[in-house]
Amino acid sequence: MSDRSEISSSPTVLDYVYPADHQQRAVLKIKNESDLRLALKIKTTNNSCFK
């Protein structure tokens, strides 16, 4: 049971524990912050693979 309190304090796990509303909000927030970086990463890996 002590594990449970440690897990629930982790924000990534909260996404799975809380209902869909909360999860959606968290996912959207993450998307907004990292979309550009992720797109750039994909772009660079694609370029190095297919050149």
C-alpha atoms as a PDB file:
ATOM      1  CA  MET A   1       0.000   0.000   0.000  1.00  0.00           C
ATOM      2  CA  SER A   2       2.960   2.355   0.532  1.00  0.00           C
ATOM      3  CA  ASP A   3       3.809   1.873  -3.165  1.00  0.00           C
ATOM      4  CA  ARG A   4       0.402   3.232  -4.105  1.00  0.00           C
ATOM      5  CA  SER A   5       1.014   6.637  -2.486  1.00  0.00           C
ATOM      6  CA  GLU A   6       4.384   6.968  -4.258  1.00  0.00           C
ATOM      7  CA  ILE A   7       2.839   6.020  -7.593  1.00  0.00           C
ATOM      8  CA  SER A   8      -0.107   8.412  -7.251  1.00  0.00           C
ATOM      9  CA  SER A   9       2.285  11.320  -6.633  1.00  0.00           C
ATOM     10  CA  SER A  10       3.825  10.756 -10.071  1.00  0.00           C
ATOM     11  CA  PRO A  11       2.086  12.923 -12.721  1.00  0.00           C
ATOM     12  CA  THR A  12       2.527  10.398 -15.531  1.00  0.00           C
ATOM     13  CA  VAL A  13       0.731   7.721 -13.547  1.00  0.00           C
ATOM     14  CA  LEU A  14      -2.068  10.122 -12.603  1.00  0.00           C
ATOM     15  CA  ASP A  15      -2.936  10.307 -16.308  1.00  0.00           C
ATOM     16  CA  TYR A  16      -3.848   6.611 -16.133  1.00  0.00           C
ATOM     17  CA  VAL A  17      -5.461   6.685 -12.688  1.00  0.00           C
ATOM     18  CA  TYR A  18      -7.795   9.640 -13.204  1.00  0.00           C
ATOM     19  CA  PRO A  19     -10.858   9.589 -15.492  1.00  0.00           C
ATOM     20  CA  ALA A  20     -10.748  10.418 -19.211  1.00  0.00           C
ATOM     21  CA  ASP A  21     -11.402  14.169 -18.727  1.00  0.00           C
ATOM     22  CA  HIS A  22      -8.287  14.609 -16.636  1.00  0.00           C
ATOM     23  CA  GLN A  23      -6.253  12.347 -18.899  1.00  0.00           C
ATOM     24  CA  GLN A  24      -7.329  14.215 -22.027  1.00  0.00           C
ATOM     25  CA  ARG A  25      -6.385  17.538 -20.463  1.00  0.00           C
ATOM     26  CA  ALA A  26      -2.944  16.217 -19.488  1.00  0.00           C
ATOM     27  CA  VAL A  27      -2.348  14.716 -22.926  1.00  0.00           C
ATOM     28  CA  LEU A  28      -3.339  17.982 -24.613  1.00  0.00           C
ATOM     29  CA  LYS A  29      -0.958  19.929 -22.380  1.00  0.00           C
ATOM     30  CA  ILE A  30       1.908  17.532 -23.170  1.00  0.00           C
ATOM     31  CA  LYS A  31       1.074  17.733 -26.886  1.00  0.00           C
ATOM     32  CA  ASN A  32       1.210  21.522 -26.926  1.00  0.00           C
ATOM     33  CA  GLU A  33       4.603  21.596 -25.204  1.00  0.00           C
ATOM     34  CA  SER A  34       6.367  18.881 -27.215  1.00  0.00           C
ATOM     35  CA  ASP A  35       4.650  18.776 -30.623  1.00  0.00           C
ATOM     36  CA  LEU A  36       7.208  20.991 -32.337  1.00  0.00           C
ATOM     37  CA  ARG A  37      10.183  19.227 -30.754  1.00  0.00           C
ATOM     38  CA  LEU A  38       8.734  15.823 -31.671  1.00  0.00           C
ATOM     39  CA  ALA A  39       8.066  16.941 -35.246  1.00  0.00           C
ATOM     40  CA  LEU A  40      11.630  18.199 -35.571  1.00  0.00           C
ATOM     41  CA  LYS A  41      12.992  14.938 -34.149  1.00  0.00           C
ATOM     42  CA  ILE A  42      10.946  12.878 -36.630  1.00  0.00           C
ATOM     43  CA  LYS A  43      12.046  15.178 -39.457  1.00  0.00           C
ATOM     44  CA  THR A  44      15.739  14.777 -38.636  1.00  0.00           C
ATOM     45  CA  THR A  45      15.525  10.989 -38.219  1.00  0.00           C
ATOM     46  CA  ASN A  46      13.630  10.689 -41.515  1.00  0.00           C
ATOM     47  CA  ASN A  47      16.252  12.782 -43.289  1.00  0.00           C
ATOM     48  CA  SER A  48      19.132  10.696 -41.951  1.00  0.00           C
ATOM     49  CA  CYS A  49      17.334   7.446 -42.837  1.00  0.00           C
ATOM     50  CA  PHE A  50      16.316   8.291 -46.394  1.00  0.00           C
ATOM     51  CA  LYS A  51      19.236  10.402 -47.630  1.00  0.00           C
END
